[in-house]
């Protein structure tokens, strides 16, 4: 990409998009097109088409998506499949119509079968059934991969799909109703630490910044205690207990969003569709995994966050709640052979993120 090329980042305010924007700015790119949801409804096909006709971006990072954890994915199944299909269909097709030079589509590791061998290789896509709780979201992301492949084959476009592992970083979602596991653990332990210290002024600041089901710092203390207890943070015998979902045994891999952004820009600048399709008789599974290649149990993740946050209360596991897929470690050998490797350790990354959360 030329430093002055016009770059559109769909979803520039989210965890993924904001990291890509920061990394591009750091590398000297200056010509960005960004639109908030109020300015451009990505579910509106006509509006998206008109936007591309008017702006004519050279490059597109498709990071916009409806995302969430197990509870959100399983509860809002219709919204997850509809909104994600609509967003990516509108952007990919409009990019083709307006002559975008290159597009990078971001998917998710949940595209792989529930019981696929570990680590997850790109070729395992569609080999078995998906994890039920996030099946609608996964199907939408698989459709995006196939749309990029199909447009490349029929129209000669250069659209690359990347599948990041579980991400965390600045601008993450800390809404306890919909967040992924790592930001949820950070917030729960932060609130647990404040509750144990009886620091209600800091709890009020947290709830004012991020109300939980309408409960804010101006709510009554009874309402605040009730909502904290609903999400597993409660007082017991003059101490604090935090209840966490599942057994703690599932294993997950986590990548800092700054590493993910560096990988995406590397792919955009150095890897074309021909590079990942070369030698294939039937062109499929041309997407590229992005990860660090290491995982740990959710229990070990919780203990790491407990140490970083300095929460010294009790952790209890509710094994009646779902675990999700037991392991999702990405095979990142394809990306490493193509020249990129992660650099940020998990503990350093969590410390960085928690520092920004406290700010």
Protein backbone atom coordinates (compact mmCIF):
# COMPACT_ATOMS: atom_id res chain seq x y z
CA UNK A 1 0.00 0.00 0.00
CA UNK A 2 1.27 3.43 -0.87
CA UNK A 3 1.44 5.72 2.17
CA UNK A 4 -1.06 8.09 0.54
CA UNK A 5 -3.49 5.39 -0.64
CA UNK A 6 -7.09 5.85 0.50
CA UNK A 7 -7.87 3.25 3.17
CA UNK A 8 -11.34 2.43 4.49
CA UNK A 9 -11.51 0.70 7.88
CA UNK A 10 -14.98 -0.70 8.53
CA UNK A 11 -15.47 -0.86 12.28
CA UNK A 12 -12.70 1.59 13.17
CA UNK A 13 -14.01 2.16 16.71
CA UNK A 14 -14.01 -1.50 17.75
CA UNK A 15 -11.28 -3.61 19.25
CA UNK A 16 -10.00 -4.81 15.87
CA UNK A 17 -10.57 -1.76 13.70
CA UNK A 18 -9.13 0.73 16.19
CA UNK A 19 -5.98 -1.37 16.50
CA UNK A 20 -5.57 -1.46 12.71
CA UNK A 21 -6.06 2.31 12.52
CA UNK A 22 -3.46 2.93 15.27
CA UNK A 23 -0.93 0.63 13.62
CA UNK A 24 -1.43 2.21 10.18
CA UNK A 25 -0.96 5.69 11.65
CA UNK A 26 2.19 4.48 13.42
CA UNK A 27 3.53 3.20 10.11
CA UNK A 28 2.95 6.55 8.37
CA UNK A 29 -0.34 6.09 6.51
CA UNK A 30 -2.41 9.24 6.42
CA UNK A 31 -5.40 8.94 4.06
CA UNK A 32 -8.23 7.24 5.95
CA UNK A 33 -11.95 6.95 5.42
CA UNK A 34 -13.87 6.16 8.61
CA UNK A 35 -17.58 6.29 9.34
CA UNK A 36 -19.42 5.79 12.61
CA UNK A 37 -22.56 3.65 12.73
CA UNK A 38 -24.64 6.85 12.86
CA UNK A 39 -22.92 8.13 9.70
CA UNK A 40 -23.12 4.87 7.72
CA UNK A 41 -25.43 1.95 8.48
CA UNK A 42 -23.53 -1.08 7.15
CA UNK A 43 -26.77 -3.09 7.18
CA UNK A 44 -28.17 -0.73 4.51
CA UNK A 45 -27.15 -2.07 1.10
CA UNK A 46 -28.01 1.14 -0.77
CA UNK A 47 -26.16 3.36 1.70
CA UNK A 48 -23.04 1.20 1.56
CA UNK A 49 -23.12 1.12 -2.24
CA UNK A 50 -23.41 4.91 -2.43
CA UNK A 51 -20.58 5.32 0.08
CA UNK A 52 -18.20 3.22 -2.05
CA UNK A 53 -19.21 5.00 -5.25
CA UNK A 54 -18.51 8.36 -3.65
CA UNK A 55 -15.34 7.60 -1.68
CA UNK A 56 -13.69 4.99 -3.98
CA UNK A 57 -11.21 3.65 -1.40
CA UNK A 58 -8.11 1.84 -2.67
CA UNK A 59 -7.91 -0.63 0.23
CA UNK A 60 -10.48 -1.98 2.68
CA UNK A 61 -10.06 -3.59 6.10
CA UNK A 62 -13.38 -5.28 6.90
CA UNK A 63 -13.31 -5.35 10.70
CA UNK A 64 -16.96 -4.45 11.34
CA UNK A 65 -19.03 -7.24 12.88
CA UNK A 66 -21.56 -8.07 15.56
CA UNK A 67 -19.56 -9.94 18.19
CA UNK A 68 -20.03 -11.34 21.69
CA UNK A 69 -19.31 -14.18 24.09
CA UNK A 70 -21.09 -17.51 24.62
CA UNK A 71 -24.19 -15.97 26.22
CA UNK A 72 -24.67 -13.34 23.52
CA UNK A 73 -24.01 -15.75 20.63
CA UNK A 74 -26.45 -18.34 21.95
CA UNK A 75 -29.16 -15.84 22.92
CA UNK A 76 -29.17 -13.58 19.85
CA UNK A 77 -28.67 -16.25 17.19
CA UNK A 78 -30.84 -14.58 14.55
CA UNK A 79 -29.23 -11.18 14.99
CA UNK A 80 -25.72 -12.64 14.83
CA UNK A 81 -26.21 -14.46 11.53
CA UNK A 82 -28.30 -11.74 9.86
CA UNK A 83 -26.22 -8.71 10.80
CA UNK A 84 -22.87 -10.30 10.04
CA UNK A 85 -24.01 -11.66 6.67
CA UNK A 86 -25.53 -8.30 5.76
CA UNK A 87 -22.46 -6.26 6.74
CA UNK A 88 -19.95 -8.41 4.86
CA UNK A 89 -22.16 -8.93 1.79
CA UNK A 90 -22.70 -5.19 1.43
CA UNK A 91 -19.03 -4.26 1.85
CA UNK A 92 -17.46 -7.05 -0.23
CA UNK A 93 -19.84 -6.57 -3.16
CA UNK A 94 -19.58 -2.77 -3.09
CA UNK A 95 -15.79 -3.05 -2.94
CA UNK A 96 -15.92 -5.14 -6.12
CA UNK A 97 -18.28 -2.71 -7.87
CA UNK A 98 -16.13 0.31 -7.02
CA UNK A 99 -12.82 -1.30 -8.04
CA UNK A 100 -11.11 -1.61 -4.65
CA UNK A 101 -7.53 -2.83 -5.19
CA UNK A 102 -7.44 -5.14 -2.18
CA UNK A 103 -9.69 -6.12 0.70
CA UNK A 104 -8.87 -7.90 3.95
CA UNK A 105 -11.75 -9.74 5.63
CA UNK A 106 -11.48 -10.61 9.32
CA UNK A 107 -13.15 -13.76 10.55
CA UNK A 108 -12.83 -15.76 13.76
CA UNK A 109 -11.38 -19.01 15.06
CA UNK A 110 -14.92 -20.23 15.78
CA UNK A 111 -15.26 -21.15 12.09
CA UNK A 112 -13.54 -24.46 12.84
CA UNK A 113 -15.40 -27.66 13.83
CA UNK A 114 -16.06 -28.27 17.51
CA UNK A 115 -14.03 -31.48 17.59
CA UNK A 116 -11.34 -30.62 15.04
CA UNK A 117 -7.80 -31.84 15.77
CA UNK A 118 -5.48 -29.41 17.54
CA UNK A 119 -3.87 -27.13 16.57
CA UNK A 120 -6.46 -25.87 14.07
CA UNK A 121 -5.16 -25.93 10.51
CA UNK A 122 -6.80 -23.91 7.74
CA UNK A 123 -7.69 -27.15 5.94
CA UNK A 124 -9.98 -28.27 8.80
CA UNK A 125 -12.66 -25.78 7.71
CA UNK A 126 -16.03 -27.51 7.06
CA UNK A 127 -14.65 -30.95 7.95
CA UNK A 128 -17.15 -31.55 10.82
CA UNK A 129 -20.01 -29.88 12.71
CA UNK A 130 -19.56 -26.53 14.46
CA UNK A 131 -19.88 -25.68 18.15
CA UNK A 132 -23.63 -25.16 18.68
CA UNK A 133 -23.52 -22.03 20.84
CA UNK A 134 -21.82 -19.87 18.17
CA UNK A 135 -22.92 -21.71 15.01
CA UNK A 136 -24.85 -18.76 13.45
CA UNK A 137 -21.89 -16.40 13.85
CA UNK A 138 -19.46 -19.02 12.54
CA UNK A 139 -21.61 -19.72 9.48
CA UNK A 140 -21.71 -16.01 8.66
CA UNK A 141 -17.92 -15.79 8.87
CA UNK A 142 -17.49 -18.92 6.73
CA UNK A 143 -19.77 -17.31 4.15
CA UNK A 144 -17.46 -14.27 4.14
CA UNK A 145 -14.43 -16.45 3.45
CA UNK A 146 -16.24 -18.20 0.62
CA UNK A 147 -17.48 -14.90 -0.80
CA UNK A 148 -13.92 -13.56 -0.95
CA UNK A 149 -12.65 -16.77 -2.58
CA UNK A 150 -15.51 -16.82 -5.06
CA UNK A 151 -15.11 -13.18 -6.09
CA UNK A 152 -11.39 -13.72 -6.55
CA UNK A 153 -12.02 -16.73 -8.79
CA UNK A 154 -14.82 -15.22 -10.85
CA UNK A 155 -13.87 -11.54 -10.98
CA UNK A 156 -10.09 -11.56 -10.49
CA UNK A 157 -10.21 -9.55 -7.27
CA UNK A 158 -7.56 -9.79 -4.54
CA UNK A 159 -9.49 -10.32 -1.32
CA UNK A 160 -7.71 -12.05 1.57
CA UNK A 161 -9.40 -13.58 4.62
CA UNK A 162 -7.62 -13.83 7.96
CA UNK A 163 -8.86 -15.73 11.01
CA UNK A 164 -7.60 -14.21 14.26
CA UNK A 165 -7.62 -16.21 17.46
CA UNK A 166 -9.28 -14.77 20.59
CA UNK A 167 -8.33 -11.09 20.76
CA UNK A 168 -8.04 -8.57 23.56
CA UNK A 169 -6.78 -5.01 23.78
CA UNK A 170 -7.77 -1.32 24.00
CA UNK A 171 -11.42 -0.57 23.13
CA UNK A 172 -12.49 -4.08 24.09
CA UNK A 173 -16.09 -4.82 25.08
CA UNK A 174 -16.42 -4.85 28.87
CA UNK A 175 -20.22 -5.18 28.90
CA UNK A 176 -20.77 -8.16 31.20
CA UNK A 177 -23.88 -9.16 29.22
CA UNK A 178 -22.03 -9.59 25.91
CA UNK A 179 -18.26 -9.53 26.47
CA UNK A 180 -15.73 -12.25 25.72
CA UNK A 181 -14.01 -14.10 28.53
CA UNK A 182 -10.80 -12.06 28.97
CA UNK A 183 -12.34 -8.56 29.28
CA UNK A 184 -15.16 -10.02 31.40
CA UNK A 185 -12.61 -11.50 33.82
CA UNK A 186 -10.70 -8.21 33.99
CA UNK A 187 -13.82 -6.23 34.85
CA UNK A 188 -15.20 -8.78 37.32
CA UNK A 189 -11.93 -8.91 39.23
CA UNK A 190 -11.54 -5.14 39.13
CA UNK A 191 -15.04 -4.73 40.61
CA UNK A 192 -14.38 -7.53 43.10
CA UNK A 193 -11.19 -5.79 44.23
CA UNK A 194 -13.07 -2.51 44.73
CA UNK A 195 -15.93 -4.24 46.55
CA UNK A 196 -13.53 -5.94 48.95
CA UNK A 197 -11.88 -2.57 49.64
CA UNK A 198 -15.36 -1.03 50.16
CA UNK A 199 -14.35 1.56 47.54
CA UNK A 200 -17.82 2.61 46.42
CA UNK A 201 -16.66 5.85 44.79
CA UNK A 202 -14.51 3.85 42.34
CA UNK A 203 -17.33 1.33 41.79
CA UNK A 204 -19.60 4.27 40.94
CA UNK A 205 -17.07 5.57 38.41
CA UNK A 206 -16.89 2.14 36.78
CA UNK A 207 -20.69 1.77 36.61
CA UNK A 208 -21.11 5.32 35.30
CA UNK A 209 -18.65 4.59 32.49
CA UNK A 210 -20.20 1.19 31.73
CA UNK A 211 -23.68 0.70 33.23
CA UNK A 212 -24.80 -2.92 33.69
CA UNK A 213 -28.41 -3.47 32.62
CA UNK A 214 -29.17 0.17 33.37
CA UNK A 215 -27.54 0.12 36.82
CA UNK A 216 -25.08 3.00 37.15
CA UNK A 217 -23.19 4.78 39.87
CA UNK A 218 -26.30 6.82 40.68
CA UNK A 219 -28.38 3.72 41.44
CA UNK A 220 -29.03 2.69 45.02
CA UNK A 221 -26.46 0.55 46.83
CA UNK A 222 -28.99 -2.30 46.94
CA UNK A 223 -29.38 -2.16 43.14
CA UNK A 224 -25.61 -2.10 42.68
CA UNK A 225 -25.05 -5.06 44.98
CA UNK A 226 -27.86 -6.97 43.24
CA UNK A 227 -26.45 -6.45 39.73
CA UNK A 228 -22.93 -7.35 40.85
CA UNK A 229 -24.28 -10.53 42.44
CA UNK A 230 -26.22 -11.37 39.26
CA UNK A 231 -22.89 -11.40 37.40
CA UNK A 232 -21.15 -13.46 40.05
CA UNK A 233 -19.52 -10.78 42.24
CA UNK A 234 -20.76 -10.89 45.83
CA UNK A 235 -19.91 -10.54 49.50
CA UNK A 236 -19.65 -13.67 51.65
CA UNK A 237 -18.51 -13.74 55.27
CA UNK A 238 -16.80 -10.33 55.02
CA UNK A 239 -14.92 -11.40 51.90
CA UNK A 240 -15.60 -11.27 48.17
CA UNK A 241 -16.33 -14.24 45.94
CA UNK A 242 -16.41 -14.20 42.14
CA UNK A 243 -18.25 -17.01 40.37
CA UNK A 244 -17.02 -17.83 36.87
CA UNK A 245 -18.76 -19.81 34.13
CA UNK A 246 -17.88 -23.41 33.38
CA UNK A 247 -15.22 -25.74 34.71
CA UNK A 248 -12.18 -23.61 33.89
CA UNK A 249 -10.76 -26.54 31.91
CA UNK A 250 -11.24 -25.31 28.30
CA UNK A 251 -8.06 -24.05 26.69
CA UNK A 252 -7.86 -20.82 24.74
CA UNK A 253 -5.26 -18.84 22.85
CA UNK A 254 -5.18 -15.04 23.18
CA UNK A 255 -3.56 -12.42 20.94
CA UNK A 256 -3.16 -8.73 21.72
CA UNK A 257 -4.99 -6.56 19.18
CA UNK A 258 -1.77 -4.64 18.41
CA UNK A 259 -0.15 -7.89 17.28
CA UNK A 260 -3.25 -8.73 15.25
CA UNK A 261 -3.17 -5.30 13.57
CA UNK A 262 0.51 -5.70 12.67
CA UNK A 263 -0.27 -9.09 11.14
CA UNK A 264 -3.19 -7.69 9.10
CA UNK A 265 -1.08 -4.88 7.66
CA UNK A 266 1.70 -7.37 6.90
CA UNK A 267 -0.77 -9.59 5.04
CA UNK A 268 -2.23 -6.64 3.15
CA UNK A 269 1.21 -5.48 2.04
CA UNK A 270 2.91 -8.81 1.37
CA UNK A 271 0.41 -11.58 0.60
CA UNK A 272 -1.95 -11.85 -2.36
CA UNK A 273 -4.69 -14.35 -3.18
CA UNK A 274 -2.36 -16.04 -5.66
CA UNK A 275 0.11 -16.74 -2.84
CA UNK A 276 -2.45 -18.71 -0.81
CA UNK A 277 -4.25 -20.32 -3.79
CA UNK A 278 -1.14 -21.47 -5.65
CA UNK A 279 -0.98 -25.19 -6.38
CA UNK A 280 -4.59 -25.93 -5.42
CA UNK A 281 -6.66 -27.91 -7.94
CA UNK A 282 -9.83 -26.94 -6.10
CA UNK A 283 -9.34 -23.51 -4.56
CA UNK A 284 -10.59 -23.53 -0.98
CA UNK A 285 -9.28 -22.83 2.52
CA UNK A 286 -7.22 -19.89 1.29
CA UNK A 287 -7.73 -18.00 4.56
CA UNK A 288 -4.80 -17.43 6.93
CA UNK A 289 -4.84 -18.04 10.69
CA UNK A 290 -3.51 -15.27 12.95
CA UNK A 291 -2.42 -16.22 16.46
CA UNK A 292 0.53 -16.76 18.76
CA UNK A 293 0.47 -20.57 18.65
CA UNK A 294 0.22 -21.00 22.46
CA UNK A 295 -2.79 -21.57 24.71
CA UNK A 296 -3.70 -21.98 28.39
CA UNK A 297 -6.72 -23.10 30.42
CA UNK A 298 -9.40 -20.58 31.31
CA UNK A 299 -8.54 -21.28 34.96
CA UNK A 300 -4.90 -20.31 34.35
CA UNK A 301 -6.08 -17.23 32.46
CA UNK A 302 -8.22 -16.27 35.46
CA UNK A 303 -5.29 -16.74 37.83
CA UNK A 304 -3.06 -14.59 35.60
CA UNK A 305 -5.66 -11.81 35.53
CA UNK A 306 -6.18 -12.17 39.30
CA UNK A 307 -2.45 -11.52 39.78
CA UNK A 308 -2.32 -8.56 37.37
CA UNK A 309 -5.45 -6.91 38.83
CA UNK A 310 -4.30 -7.70 42.38
CA UNK A 311 -7.64 -9.22 43.35
CA UNK A 312 -7.14 -11.38 46.44
CA UNK A 313 -10.68 -12.70 46.90
CA UNK A 314 -12.01 -16.16 46.09
CA UNK A 315 -12.77 -17.62 42.63
CA UNK A 316 -15.53 -20.24 42.29
CA UNK A 317 -16.35 -22.18 39.11
CA UNK A 318 -19.96 -22.92 38.13
CA UNK A 319 -19.67 -26.20 36.22
CA UNK A 320 -23.41 -26.10 35.37
CA UNK A 321 -22.69 -23.30 32.92
CA UNK A 322 -21.43 -24.16 29.40
CA UNK A 323 -17.73 -24.44 28.63
CA UNK A 324 -18.02 -24.07 24.86
CA UNK A 325 -15.40 -25.76 22.71
CA UNK A 326 -12.80 -27.44 24.92
CA UNK A 327 -9.80 -26.26 22.89
CA UNK A 328 -9.20 -23.79 20.05
CA UNK A 329 -5.48 -23.48 19.39
CA UNK A 330 -4.63 -22.04 15.99
CA UNK A 331 -1.98 -23.54 13.74
CA UNK A 332 -0.08 -20.44 12.63
CA UNK A 333 2.58 -22.20 10.59
CA UNK A 334 1.21 -20.82 7.30
CA UNK A 335 1.53 -17.21 8.50
CA UNK A 336 4.97 -17.83 10.01
CA UNK A 337 6.16 -19.30 6.68
CA UNK A 338 4.79 -16.18 5.01
CA UNK A 339 6.98 -14.08 7.31
CA UNK A 340 5.07 -12.89 10.41
CA UNK A 341 5.13 -13.90 14.11
CA UNK A 342 3.51 -12.50 17.29
CA UNK A 343 5.65 -10.53 19.76
CA UNK A 344 3.49 -9.53 22.80
CA UNK A 345 3.38 -11.98 25.74
CA UNK A 346 0.00 -12.64 27.38
CA UNK A 347 0.91 -11.34 30.83
CA UNK A 348 2.48 -8.16 29.43
CA UNK A 349 -0.56 -7.67 27.20
CA UNK A 350 -3.03 -8.10 30.07
CA UNK A 351 -1.06 -5.64 32.22
CA UNK A 352 -1.14 -3.12 29.37
CA UNK A 353 -4.89 -3.55 28.86
CA UNK A 354 -5.71 -3.36 32.58
CA UNK A 355 -3.68 -0.17 32.89
CA UNK A 356 -5.72 1.40 30.08
CA UNK A 357 -8.96 0.13 31.66
CA UNK A 358 -8.09 1.85 34.94
CA UNK A 359 -7.40 5.10 33.08
